[in-house]
PDB file of N, CA and C in Angstrom:
ATOM      1  N   MET A   1      14.534 -29.526 -16.915  1.00  0.00           N
ATOM      2  CA  MET A   1      15.412 -29.376 -15.849  1.00  0.00           C
ATOM      3  C   MET A   1      16.788 -28.378 -15.728  1.00  0.00           C
ATOM      4  N   ILE A   2      17.618 -28.830 -17.033  1.00  0.00           N
ATOM      5  CA  ILE A   2      18.768 -28.147 -17.033  1.00  0.00           C
ATOM      6  C   ILE A   2      18.439 -26.701 -17.336  1.00  0.00           C
ATOM      7  N   SER A   3      17.394 -26.245 -17.910  1.00  0.00           N
ATOM      8  CA  SER A   3      17.130 -24.874 -18.127  1.00  0.00           C
ATOM      9  C   SER A   3      16.849 -24.328 -17.008  1.00  0.00           C
ATOM     10  N   LEU A   4      16.023 -24.764 -15.723  1.00  0.00           N
ATOM     11  CA  LEU A   4      16.121 -24.233 -14.524  1.00  0.00           C
ATOM     12  C   LEU A   4      17.042 -24.393 -13.945  1.00  0.00           C
ATOM     13  N   LEU A   5      18.087 -25.066 -13.795  1.00  0.00           N
ATOM     14  CA  LEU A   5      19.292 -25.252 -13.192  1.00  0.00           C
ATOM     15  C   LEU A   5      20.117 -23.936 -13.916  1.00  0.00           C
ATOM     16  N   LEU A   6      20.222 -23.738 -14.989  1.00  0.00           N
ATOM     17  CA  LEU A   6      21.011 -22.911 -15.632  1.00  0.00           C
ATOM     18  C   LEU A   6      20.206 -21.388 -15.356  1.00  0.00           C
ATOM     19  N   THR A   7      18.995 -21.271 -15.069  1.00  0.00           N
ATOM     20  CA  THR A   7      18.326 -20.140 -14.696  1.00  0.00           C
ATOM     21  C   THR A   7      18.615 -19.651 -13.347  1.00  0.00           C
ATOM     22  N   LEU A   8      18.762 -20.693 -12.623  1.00  0.00           N
ATOM     23  CA  LEU A   8      18.864 -20.301 -11.306  1.00  0.00           C
ATOM     24  C   LEU A   8      20.531 -20.076 -11.090  1.00  0.00           C
ATOM     25  N   LYS A   9      21.427 -20.730 -11.596  1.00  0.00           N
ATOM     26  CA  LYS A   9      22.824 -20.291 -11.761  1.00  0.00           C
ATOM     27  C   LYS A   9      22.680 -18.768 -11.915  1.00  0.00           C
ATOM     28  N   ARG A  10      22.329 -18.327 -13.079  1.00  0.00           N
ATOM     29  CA  ARG A  10      22.442 -17.128 -13.462  1.00  0.00           C
ATOM     30  C   ARG A  10      21.857 -15.937 -12.583  1.00  0.00           C
ATOM     31  N   LEU A  11      20.761 -16.467 -11.712  1.00  0.00           N
ATOM     32  CA  LEU A  11      20.297 -15.578 -10.794  1.00  0.00           C
ATOM     33  C   LEU A  11      21.009 -15.716  -9.567  1.00  0.00           C
ATOM     34  N   ILE A  12      21.736 -16.552  -9.311  1.00  0.00           N
ATOM     35  CA  ILE A  12      22.434 -16.420  -8.027  1.00  0.00           C
ATOM     36  C   ILE A  12      23.758 -15.641  -8.445  1.00  0.00           C
ATOM     37  N   SER A  13      24.084 -15.689  -9.817  1.00  0.00           N
ATOM     38  CA  SER A  13      25.547 -15.048  -9.811  1.00  0.00           C
ATOM     39  C   SER A  13      24.779 -13.407 -10.261  1.00  0.00           C
ATOM     40  N   GLY A  14      23.716 -12.933 -10.501  1.00  0.00           N
ATOM     41  CA  GLY A  14      23.187 -11.898 -10.650  1.00  0.00           C
ATOM     42  C   GLY A  14      23.088 -11.332  -9.140  1.00  0.00           C
ATOM     43  N   LEU A  15      22.645 -12.063  -8.289  1.00  0.00           N
ATOM     44  CA  LEU A  15      22.316 -11.534  -6.757  1.00  0.00           C
ATOM     45  C   LEU A  15      23.712 -11.498  -6.299  1.00  0.00           C
ATOM     46  N   TRP A  16      24.699 -12.247  -6.574  1.00  0.00           N
ATOM     47  CA  TRP A  16      25.861 -12.314  -5.819  1.00  0.00           C
ATOM     48  C   TRP A  16      26.770 -10.888  -6.455  1.00  0.00           C
ATOM     49  N   ARG A  17      26.269 -10.462  -7.833  1.00  0.00           N
ATOM     50  CA  ARG A  17      27.020  -9.021  -8.269  1.00  0.00           C
ATOM     51  C   ARG A  17      26.342  -7.949  -7.890  1.00  0.00           C
ATOM     52  N   ALA A  18      24.675  -7.954  -7.552  1.00  0.00           N
ATOM     53  CA  ALA A  18      23.967  -7.138  -6.960  1.00  0.00           C
ATOM     54  C   ALA A  18      24.269  -6.678  -5.459  1.00  0.00           C
ATOM     55  N   PHE A  19      24.781  -7.914  -4.521  1.00  0.00           N
ATOM     56  CA  PHE A  19      25.136  -7.692  -3.533  1.00  0.00           C
ATOM     57  C   PHE A  19      26.498  -6.747  -3.177  1.00  0.00           C
ATOM     58  N   LYS A  20      27.106  -6.740  -4.370  1.00  0.00           N
ATOM     59  CA  LYS A  20      28.500  -5.747  -4.149  1.00  0.00           C
ATOM     60  C   LYS A  20      28.232  -4.420  -4.450  1.00  0.00           C
ATOM     61  N   LEU A  21      26.912  -4.055  -4.883  1.00  0.00           N
ATOM     62  CA  LEU A  21      26.509  -2.415  -4.897  1.00  0.00           C
ATOM     63  C   LEU A  21      25.817  -2.159  -3.709  1.00  0.00           C
ATOM     64  N   LYS A  22      26.323  -0.927  -3.143  1.00  0.00           N
ATOM     65  CA  LYS A  22      26.280  -0.336  -1.668  1.00  0.00           C
ATOM     66  C   LYS A  22      24.616  -0.072  -1.754  1.00  0.00           C
ATOM     67  N   ASN A  23      24.320   0.413  -2.806  1.00  0.00           N
ATOM     68  CA  ASN A  23      23.021   0.657  -3.044  1.00  0.00           C
ATOM     69  C   ASN A  23      22.057  -0.579  -2.579  1.00  0.00           C
ATOM     70  N   PHE A  24      22.286  -1.451  -3.331  1.00  0.00           N
ATOM     71  CA  PHE A  24      21.601  -2.809  -3.123  1.00  0.00           C
ATOM     72  C   PHE A  24      21.469  -3.249  -1.778  1.00  0.00           C
ATOM     73  N   GLN A  25      22.645  -3.274  -0.943  1.00  0.00           N
ATOM     74  CA  GLN A  25      22.851  -3.499   0.298  1.00  0.00           C
ATOM     75  C   GLN A  25      21.876  -2.623   1.140  1.00  0.00           C
ATOM     76  N   ALA A  26      22.026  -1.243   0.722  1.00  0.00           N
ATOM     77  CA  ALA A  26      21.110  -0.874   1.562  1.00  0.00           C
ATOM     78  C   ALA A  26      19.222  -1.085   1.517  1.00  0.00           C
ATOM     79  N   LEU A  27      18.958  -1.298   0.336  1.00  0.00           N
ATOM     80  CA  LEU A  27      17.788  -1.670  -0.180  1.00  0.00           C
ATOM     81  C   LEU A  27      17.440  -3.094   0.358  1.00  0.00           C
ATOM     82  N   PHE A  28      18.537  -3.753   0.587  1.00  0.00           N
ATOM     83  CA  PHE A  28      18.149  -5.156   0.939  1.00  0.00           C
ATOM     84  C   PHE A  28      18.073  -5.014   2.717  1.00  0.00           C
ATOM     85  N   ILE A  29      18.654  -4.336   3.311  1.00  0.00           N
ATOM     86  CA  ILE A  29      18.504  -4.228   4.734  1.00  0.00           C
ATOM     87  C   ILE A  29      17.137  -3.409   5.057  1.00  0.00           C
ATOM     88  N   LEU A  30      16.709  -2.206   4.005  1.00  0.00           N
ATOM     89  CA  LEU A  30      15.568  -1.695   4.352  1.00  0.00           C
ATOM     90  C   LEU A  30      14.425  -2.439   4.363  1.00  0.00           C
ATOM     91  N   VAL A  31      14.423  -3.503   3.342  1.00  0.00           N
ATOM     92  CA  VAL A  31      13.355  -4.482   2.837  1.00  0.00           C
ATOM     93  C   VAL A  31      13.151  -5.562   3.954  1.00  0.00           C
ATOM     94  N   LEU A  32      14.453  -5.775   4.339  1.00  0.00           N
ATOM     95  CA  LEU A  32      14.450  -6.915   5.801  1.00  0.00           C
ATOM     96  C   LEU A  32      13.635  -6.345   6.748  1.00  0.00           C
ATOM     97  N   ILE A  33      14.003  -4.793   7.114  1.00  0.00           N
ATOM     98  CA  ILE A  33      13.347  -4.082   8.166  1.00  0.00           C
ATOM     99  C   ILE A  33      11.807  -3.642   7.962  1.00  0.00           C
ATOM    100  N   MET A  34      11.661  -3.536   6.581  1.00  0.00           N
ATOM    101  CA  MET A  34      10.236  -3.519   6.373  1.00  0.00           C
ATOM    102  C   MET A  34       9.477  -5.144   6.874  1.00  0.00           C
ATOM    103  N   LEU A  35      10.093  -6.109   6.159  1.00  0.00           N
ATOM    104  CA  LEU A  35       9.526  -7.345   6.561  1.00  0.00           C
ATOM    105  C   LEU A  35       9.265  -7.514   8.159  1.00  0.00           C
ATOM    106  N   LEU A  36      10.370  -7.388   8.862  1.00  0.00           N
ATOM    107  CA  LEU A  36      10.561  -7.630  10.195  1.00  0.00           C
ATOM    108  C   LEU A  36       9.235  -6.515  11.003  1.00  0.00           C
ATOM    109  N   SER A  37       9.417  -5.497  10.826  1.00  0.00           N
ATOM    110  CA  SER A  37       8.542  -4.283  11.246  1.00  0.00           C
ATOM    111  C   SER A  37       7.209  -4.853  10.955  1.00  0.00           C
ATOM    112  N   GLY A  38       6.550  -5.102   9.712  1.00  0.00           N
ATOM    113  CA  GLY A  38       5.263  -5.501   9.490  1.00  0.00           C
ATOM    114  C   GLY A  38       5.084  -6.620   9.905  1.00  0.00           C
ATOM    115  N   THR A  39       5.881  -7.733  10.165  1.00  0.00           N
ATOM    116  CA  THR A  39       5.397  -8.931  10.964  1.00  0.00           C
ATOM    117  C   THR A  39       5.134  -8.696  12.233  1.00  0.00           C
ATOM    118  N   ILE A  40       6.225  -7.971  13.165  1.00  0.00           N
ATOM    119  CA  ILE A  40       5.543  -7.612  14.361  1.00  0.00           C
ATOM    120  C   ILE A  40       4.456  -6.659  14.714  1.00  0.00           C
ATOM    121  N   PHE A  41       4.182  -5.939  13.682  1.00  0.00           N
ATOM    122  CA  PHE A  41       2.940  -5.240  13.925  1.00  0.00           C
ATOM    123  C   PHE A  41       1.732  -6.140  13.521  1.00  0.00           C
ATOM    124  N   TYR A  42       1.495  -6.808  12.670  1.00  0.00           N
ATOM    125  CA  TYR A  42       0.561  -7.543  12.221  1.00  0.00           C
ATOM    126  C   TYR A  42       0.505  -8.649  13.330  1.00  0.00           C
ATOM    127  N   VAL A  43       1.363  -9.152  13.891  1.00  0.00           N
ATOM    128  CA  VAL A  43       1.420 -10.186  15.076  1.00  0.00           C
ATOM    129  C   VAL A  43       0.587  -9.460  16.249  1.00  0.00           C
ATOM    130  N   LYS A  44       0.996  -8.188  16.564  1.00  0.00           N
ATOM    131  CA  LYS A  44       0.720  -7.387  17.851  1.00  0.00           C
ATOM    132  C   LYS A  44      -0.754  -6.785  17.938  1.00  0.00           C
ATOM    133  N   GLU A  45      -1.030  -6.338  16.324  1.00  0.00           N
ATOM    134  CA  GLU A  45      -2.151  -5.579  16.199  1.00  0.00           C
ATOM    135  C   GLU A  45      -3.252  -5.957  15.681  1.00  0.00           C
ATOM    136  N   GLU A  46      -3.050  -7.243  14.773  1.00  0.00           N
ATOM    137  CA  GLU A  46      -4.070  -7.757  14.283  1.00  0.00           C
ATOM    138  C   GLU A  46      -4.200  -9.314  14.708  1.00  0.00           C
ATOM    139  N   GLY A  47      -3.289  -9.698  15.489  1.00  0.00           N
ATOM    140  CA  GLY A  47      -3.452 -11.067  16.015  1.00  0.00           C
ATOM    141  C   GLY A  47      -3.108 -12.130  15.346  1.00  0.00           C
ATOM    142  N   LEU A  48      -2.433 -11.792  14.044  1.00  0.00           N
ATOM    143  CA  LEU A  48      -2.004 -12.936  13.170  1.00  0.00           C
ATOM    144  C   LEU A  48      -1.001 -13.895  13.786  1.00  0.00           C
ATOM    145  N   THR A  49      -0.767 -15.096  13.287  1.00  0.00           N
ATOM    146  CA  THR A  49       0.431 -15.704  13.906  1.00  0.00           C
ATOM    147  C   THR A  49       1.764 -15.271  13.158  1.00  0.00           C
ATOM    148  N   VAL A  50       2.825 -15.428  13.607  1.00  0.00           N
ATOM    149  CA  VAL A  50       4.212 -14.951  12.894  1.00  0.00           C
ATOM    150  C   VAL A  50       4.166 -15.395  11.710  1.00  0.00           C
ATOM    151  N   LEU A  51       3.699 -16.974  11.168  1.00  0.00           N
ATOM    152  CA  LEU A  51       3.853 -17.290   9.665  1.00  0.00           C
ATOM    153  C   LEU A  51       3.013 -16.535   9.039  1.00  0.00           C
ATOM    154  N   ASP A  52       1.583 -16.238   9.514  1.00  0.00           N
ATOM    155  CA  ASP A  52       0.564 -15.560   8.609  1.00  0.00           C
ATOM    156  C   ASP A  52       0.907 -14.126   8.432  1.00  0.00           C
ATOM    157  N   ALA A  53       1.600 -13.606   9.282  1.00  0.00           N
ATOM    158  CA  ALA A  53       2.037 -12.303   9.424  1.00  0.00           C
ATOM    159  C   ALA A  53       3.077 -12.098   8.356  1.00  0.00           C
ATOM    160  N   MET A  54       3.938 -12.938   8.375  1.00  0.00           N
ATOM    161  CA  MET A  54       5.146 -12.743   7.442  1.00  0.00           C
ATOM    162  C   MET A  54       4.443 -13.068   5.988  1.00  0.00           C
ATOM    163  N   TYR A  55       3.760 -14.071   5.923  1.00  0.00           N
ATOM    164  CA  TYR A  55       3.286 -14.349   4.635  1.00  0.00           C
ATOM    165  C   TYR A  55       2.586 -13.054   3.804  1.00  0.00           C
ATOM    166  N   PHE A  56       1.917 -12.516   4.870  1.00  0.00           N
ATOM    167  CA  PHE A  56       0.861 -11.364   4.539  1.00  0.00           C
ATOM    168  C   PHE A  56       2.100 -10.374   4.079  1.00  0.00           C
ATOM    169  N   CYS A  57       3.130 -10.177   4.661  1.00  0.00           N
ATOM    170  CA  CYS A  57       4.097  -8.917   4.603  1.00  0.00           C
ATOM    171  C   CYS A  57       4.992  -9.282   3.336  1.00  0.00           C
ATOM    172  N   VAL A  58       5.193 -10.319   3.000  1.00  0.00           N
ATOM    173  CA  VAL A  58       5.689 -10.763   1.802  1.00  0.00           C
ATOM    174  C   VAL A  58       5.008 -10.833   0.475  1.00  0.00           C
ATOM    175  N   THR A  59       3.837 -11.156   0.520  1.00  0.00           N
ATOM    176  CA  THR A  59       2.832 -11.006  -0.549  1.00  0.00           C
ATOM    177  C   THR A  59       2.442  -9.596  -0.752  1.00  0.00           C
ATOM    178  N   THR A  60       2.510  -8.816   0.140  1.00  0.00           N
ATOM    179  CA  THR A  60       1.917  -7.363  -0.073  1.00  0.00           C
ATOM    180  C   THR A  60       3.129  -6.627  -0.743  1.00  0.00           C
ATOM    181  N   LEU A  61       4.422  -7.014  -0.152  1.00  0.00           N
ATOM    182  CA  LEU A  61       5.602  -6.291  -0.496  1.00  0.00           C
ATOM    183  C   LEU A  61       5.773  -6.708  -2.367  1.00  0.00           C
ATOM    184  N   SER A  62       5.828  -7.862  -2.517  1.00  0.00           N
ATOM    185  CA  SER A  62       5.806  -8.126  -3.764  1.00  0.00           C
ATOM    186  C   SER A  62       4.886  -8.138  -4.762  1.00  0.00           C
ATOM    187  N   THR A  63       3.770  -7.364  -4.567  1.00  0.00           N
ATOM    188  CA  THR A  63       2.642  -6.911  -5.074  1.00  0.00           C
ATOM    189  C   THR A  63       1.517  -7.965  -5.629  1.00  0.00           C
ATOM    190  N   VAL A  64       1.714  -9.116  -4.984  1.00  0.00           N
ATOM    191  CA  VAL A  64       0.553 -10.368  -5.432  1.00  0.00           C
ATOM    192  C   VAL A  64      -0.440  -9.950  -4.629  1.00  0.00           C
ATOM    193  N   GLY A  65      -0.432  -9.537  -3.417  1.00  0.00           N
ATOM    194  CA  GLY A  65      -1.344  -9.407  -2.449  1.00  0.00           C
ATOM    195  C   GLY A  65      -2.061 -10.560  -1.793  1.00  0.00           C
ATOM    196  N   HIS A  66      -2.800 -10.336  -0.804  1.00  0.00           N
ATOM    197  CA  HIS A  66      -3.507 -11.461  -0.244  1.00  0.00           C
ATOM    198  C   HIS A  66      -4.758 -11.345  -0.286  1.00  0.00           C
ATOM    199  N   PRO A  67      -5.394 -12.503  -0.874  1.00  0.00           N
ATOM    200  CA  PRO A  67      -6.827 -12.303  -1.195  1.00  0.00           C
ATOM    201  C   PRO A  67      -7.971 -12.409  -0.044  1.00  0.00           C
ATOM    202  N   THR A  68      -7.556 -12.906   1.546  1.00  0.00           N
ATOM    203  CA  THR A  68      -8.526 -13.126   2.266  1.00  0.00           C
ATOM    204  C   THR A  68      -8.303 -12.486   3.331  1.00  0.00           C
ATOM    205  N   PHE A  69      -7.068 -11.673   3.710  1.00  0.00           N
ATOM    206  CA  PHE A  69      -6.942 -10.960   4.803  1.00  0.00           C
ATOM    207  C   PHE A  69      -6.898  -9.320   4.517  1.00  0.00           C
ATOM    208  N   GLU A  70      -7.644  -9.037   5.589  1.00  0.00           N
ATOM    209  CA  GLU A  70      -7.725  -7.423   5.335  1.00  0.00           C
ATOM    210  C   GLU A  70      -7.701  -6.524   7.047  1.00  0.00           C
ATOM    211  N   PRO A  71      -7.069  -5.774   7.214  1.00  0.00           N
ATOM    212  CA  PRO A  71      -6.930  -5.452   8.445  1.00  0.00           C
ATOM    213  C   PRO A  71      -8.411  -5.245   9.111  1.00  0.00           C
ATOM    214  N   ARG A  72      -8.580  -5.531  10.599  1.00  0.00           N
ATOM    215  CA  ARG A  72      -9.811  -5.156  11.229  1.00  0.00           C
ATOM    216  C   ARG A  72      -9.757  -3.862  11.866  1.00  0.00           C
ATOM    217  N   THR A  73      -8.516  -3.228  12.324  1.00  0.00           N
ATOM    218  CA  THR A  73      -8.648  -2.085  12.972  1.00  0.00           C
ATOM    219  C   THR A  73      -8.098  -1.102  12.295  1.00  0.00           C
ATOM    220  N   ALA A  74      -8.319   0.332  12.611  1.00  0.00           N
ATOM    221  CA  ALA A  74      -8.232   1.392  11.900  1.00  0.00           C
ATOM    222  C   ALA A  74      -6.608   1.394  11.820  1.00  0.00           C
ATOM    223  N   LEU A  75      -6.283   1.522  12.830  1.00  0.00           N
ATOM    224  CA  LEU A  75      -4.630   1.340  13.178  1.00  0.00           C
ATOM    225  C   LEU A  75      -4.062   0.316  12.084  1.00  0.00           C
ATOM    226  N   GLY A  76      -4.549  -0.763  11.934  1.00  0.00           N
ATOM    227  CA  GLY A  76      -4.065  -1.740  11.219  1.00  0.00           C
ATOM    228  C   GLY A  76      -4.264  -1.326   9.612  1.00  0.00           C
ATOM    229  N   LYS A  77      -5.524  -0.580   9.474  1.00  0.00           N
ATOM    230  CA  LYS A  77      -5.758  -0.345   7.763  1.00  0.00           C
ATOM    231  C   LYS A  77      -4.731   1.163   7.425  1.00  0.00           C
ATOM    232  N   VAL A  78      -4.673   1.903   8.432  1.00  0.00           N
ATOM    233  CA  VAL A  78      -3.530   3.182   8.083  1.00  0.00           C
ATOM    234  C   VAL A  78      -2.051   2.556   8.189  1.00  0.00           C
ATOM    235  N   PHE A  79      -1.644   1.682   8.998  1.00  0.00           N
ATOM    236  CA  PHE A  79      -0.318   1.154   8.677  1.00  0.00           C
ATOM    237  C   PHE A  79      -0.131   0.404   7.255  1.00  0.00           C
ATOM    238  N   THR A  80      -1.252  -0.359   7.029  1.00  0.00           N
ATOM    239  CA  THR A  80      -1.431  -1.308   5.902  1.00  0.00           C
ATOM    240  C   THR A  80      -1.209  -0.209   4.352  1.00  0.00           C
ATOM    241  N   MET A  81      -1.934   0.990   4.534  1.00  0.00           N
ATOM    242  CA  MET A  81      -1.551   1.817   3.395  1.00  0.00           C
ATOM    243  C   MET A  81      -0.313   2.216   3.363  1.00  0.00           C
ATOM    244  N   ALA A  82       0.352   2.829   4.634  1.00  0.00           N
ATOM    245  CA  ALA A  82       1.622   3.399   4.340  1.00  0.00           C
ATOM    246  C   ALA A  82       2.659   2.216   4.053  1.00  0.00           C
ATOM    247  N   TYR A  83       2.371   0.858   4.577  1.00  0.00           N
ATOM    248  CA  TYR A  83       3.305  -0.239   4.418  1.00  0.00           C
ATOM    249  C   TYR A  83       3.408  -0.597   2.748  1.00  0.00           C
ATOM    250  N   ILE A  84       1.960  -0.678   2.145  1.00  0.00           N
ATOM    251  CA  ILE A  84       1.943  -0.594   0.863  1.00  0.00           C
ATOM    252  C   ILE A  84       2.683   0.143   0.131  1.00  0.00           C
ATOM    253  N   ILE A  85       2.452   1.662   0.223  1.00  0.00           N
ATOM    254  CA  ILE A  85       3.243   2.570  -0.588  1.00  0.00           C
ATOM    255  C   ILE A  85       4.927   2.791  -0.359  1.00  0.00           C
ATOM    256  N   VAL A  86       5.010   2.270   0.867  1.00  0.00           N
ATOM    257  CA  VAL A  86       6.777   2.602   1.318  1.00  0.00           C
ATOM    258  C   VAL A  86       7.582   1.252   0.780  1.00  0.00           C
ATOM    259  N   GLY A  87       6.498   0.169   1.200  1.00  0.00           N
ATOM    260  CA  GLY A  87       7.667  -1.132   0.838  1.00  0.00           C
ATOM    261  C   GLY A  87       7.281  -1.608  -0.495  1.00  0.00           C
ATOM    262  N   THR A  88       6.432  -1.117  -1.229  1.00  0.00           N
ATOM    263  CA  THR A  88       6.312  -1.755  -2.734  1.00  0.00           C
ATOM    264  C   THR A  88       7.699  -0.910  -3.504  1.00  0.00           C
ATOM    265  N   GLY A  89       7.883   0.314  -3.107  1.00  0.00           N
ATOM    266  CA  GLY A  89       8.764   1.028  -3.677  1.00  0.00           C
ATOM    267  C   GLY A  89      10.035   0.428  -3.449  1.00  0.00           C
ATOM    268  N   LEU A  90      10.298   0.215  -1.997  1.00  0.00           N
ATOM    269  CA  LEU A  90      11.738  -0.469  -1.571  1.00  0.00           C
ATOM    270  C   LEU A  90      11.934  -1.842  -2.468  1.00  0.00           C
ATOM    271  N   PHE A  91      10.624  -2.559  -2.452  1.00  0.00           N
ATOM    272  CA  PHE A  91      11.120  -3.946  -2.950  1.00  0.00           C
ATOM    273  C   PHE A  91      11.266  -3.882  -4.779  1.00  0.00           C
ATOM    274  N   LEU A  92      10.411  -2.983  -5.488  1.00  0.00           N
ATOM    275  CA  LEU A  92      10.722  -2.734  -6.736  1.00  0.00           C
ATOM    276  C   LEU A  92      12.166  -2.240  -6.960  1.00  0.00           C
ATOM    277  N   GLY A  93      12.585  -1.374  -6.039  1.00  0.00           N
ATOM    278  CA  GLY A  93      13.916  -0.738  -6.274  1.00  0.00           C
ATOM    279  C   GLY A  93      14.676  -2.028  -6.112  1.00  0.00           C
ATOM    280  N   LEU A  94      14.619  -2.727  -4.982  1.00  0.00           N
ATOM    281  CA  LEU A  94      15.598  -4.027  -4.895  1.00  0.00           C
ATOM    282  C   LEU A  94      15.602  -5.068  -6.341  1.00  0.00           C
ATOM    283  N   ILE A  95      14.373  -5.129  -6.731  1.00  0.00           N
ATOM    284  CA  ILE A  95      14.227  -6.179  -7.872  1.00  0.00           C
ATOM    285  C   ILE A  95      15.021  -5.257  -8.891  1.00  0.00           C
ATOM    286  N   GLY A  96      14.720  -3.915  -9.107  1.00  0.00           N
ATOM    287  CA  GLY A  96      15.261  -3.254 -10.271  1.00  0.00           C
ATOM    288  C   GLY A  96      16.794  -3.445 -10.196  1.00  0.00           C
ATOM    289  N   TYR A  97      17.759  -3.355  -9.177  1.00  0.00           N
ATOM    290  CA  TYR A  97      19.184  -3.482  -8.985  1.00  0.00           C
ATOM    291  C   TYR A  97      19.403  -4.975  -9.239  1.00  0.00           C
ATOM    292  N   ILE A  98      18.446  -6.213  -8.723  1.00  0.00           N
ATOM    293  CA  ILE A  98      18.687  -7.421  -9.332  1.00  0.00           C
ATOM    294  C   ILE A  98      18.903  -7.620 -10.986  1.00  0.00           C
ATOM    295  N   ALA A  99      17.665  -6.822 -11.561  1.00  0.00           N
ATOM    296  CA  ALA A  99      17.711  -7.040 -13.103  1.00  0.00           C
ATOM    297  C   ALA A  99      18.848  -6.177 -13.550  1.00  0.00           C
ATOM    298  N   TYR A 100      19.267  -4.979 -13.032  1.00  0.00           N
ATOM    299  CA  TYR A 100      20.750  -4.592 -13.383  1.00  0.00           C
ATOM    300  C   TYR A 100      21.997  -5.345 -13.341  1.00  0.00           C
ATOM    301  N   ALA A 101      21.839  -6.160 -12.198  1.00  0.00           N
ATOM    302  CA  ALA A 101      23.228  -7.151 -12.024  1.00  0.00           C
ATOM    303  C   ALA A 101      22.907  -8.162 -12.993  1.00  0.00           C
ATOM    304  N   LEU A 102      21.760  -8.488 -13.503  1.00  0.00           N
ATOM    305  CA  LEU A 102      21.801  -9.835 -14.178  1.00  0.00           C
ATOM    306  C   LEU A 102      21.969  -9.154 -15.575  1.00  0.00           C
ATOM    307  N   ILE A 103      21.527  -8.006 -15.915  1.00  0.00           N
ATOM    308  CA  ILE A 103      21.563  -7.584 -17.563  1.00  0.00           C
ATOM    309  C   ILE A 103      23.223  -6.930 -17.641  1.00  0.00           C
ATOM    310  N   LYS A 104      23.696  -6.054 -16.499  1.00  0.00           N
ATOM    311  CA  LYS A 104      25.211  -5.704 -16.806  1.00  0.00           C
ATOM    312  C   LYS A 104      26.255  -6.991 -16.885  1.00  0.00           C
ATOM    313  N   GLN A 105      27.026  -6.765 -17.675  1.00  0.00           N
ATOM    314  CA  GLN A 105      27.875  -7.514 -18.220  1.00  0.00           C
ATOM    315  C   GLN A 105      29.241  -7.810 -16.989  1.00  0.00           C
ATOM    316  N   PRO A 106      29.487  -8.657 -16.635  1.00  0.00           N
ATOM    317  CA  PRO A 106      30.833  -8.942 -15.506  1.00  0.00           C
ATOM    318  C   PRO A 106      32.003  -8.079 -16.480  1.00  0.00           C
ATOM    319  N   GLU A 107      33.031  -7.540 -15.627  1.00  0.00           N
ATOM    320  CA  GLU A 107      34.120  -6.749 -16.277  1.00  0.00           C
ATOM    321  C   GLU A 107      35.023  -8.102 -16.826  1.00  0.00           C
ATOM    322  N   GLY A 108      35.205  -9.110 -16.324  1.00  0.00           N
ATOM    323  CA  GLY A 108      35.984  -9.975 -16.991  1.00  0.00           C
ATOM    324  C   GLY A 108      35.581 -10.659 -18.531  1.00  0.00           C
ATOM    325  N   GLU A 109      34.134 -10.574 -18.550  1.00  0.00           N
ATOM    326  CA  GLU A 109      33.530 -10.992 -20.047  1.00  0.00           C
ATOM    327  C   GLU A 109      33.969  -9.688 -20.893  1.00  0.00           C
ATOM    328  N   LYS A 110      33.968  -8.780 -20.354  1.00  0.00           N
ATOM    329  CA  LYS A 110      34.132  -7.286 -21.292  1.00  0.00           C
ATOM    330  C   LYS A 110      35.203  -7.452 -21.976  1.00  0.00           C
ATOM    331  N   GLN A 111      36.443  -7.588 -21.140  1.00  0.00           N
ATOM    332  CA  GLN A 111      37.841  -8.028 -21.469  1.00  0.00           C
ATOM    333  C   GLN A 111      37.971  -9.246 -22.575  1.00  0.00           C
ATOM    334  N   LYS A 112      37.398 -10.130 -22.277  1.00  0.00           N
ATOM    335  CA  LYS A 112      37.513 -11.187 -23.274  1.00  0.00           C
ATOM    336  C   LYS A 112      36.949 -10.998 -24.460  1.00  0.00           C
ATOM    337  N   LYS A 113      35.896 -10.266 -24.521  1.00  0.00           N
ATOM    338  CA  LYS A 113      35.502  -9.933 -26.085  1.00  0.00           C
ATOM    339  C   LYS A 113      36.218  -9.033 -26.726  1.00  0.00           C
ATOM    340  N   GLU A 114      37.035  -8.021 -25.878  1.00  0.00           N
ATOM    341  CA  GLU A 114      37.596  -7.049 -26.923  1.00  0.00           C
ATOM    342  C   GLU A 114      38.935  -7.681 -27.284  1.00  0.00           C
TER     343      GLU A 114
END
């Protein structure tokens, strides 16, 4: 349990450092826009509930995928193809910045070591 708490503390501090980067902020906003637009599309076009649409969007962007849902309409299939290509790139870029913030040593710790 202590290991989990220490890992969560490290993740939160990495997220805090990542949010200070302008590129991370832009990617974060773009991912939120992708999630919102995808949710709205799947609710309107495919008739999913808001929760199911959001779940599908998150699993798609995180590259996990949804095992049982597939779009029924042609427009839904075309949208999903574009959504996967654009969204996965944005999401992976976001994860890359989080990893960078976790690996990057804070300025205060650099000065302490020297």
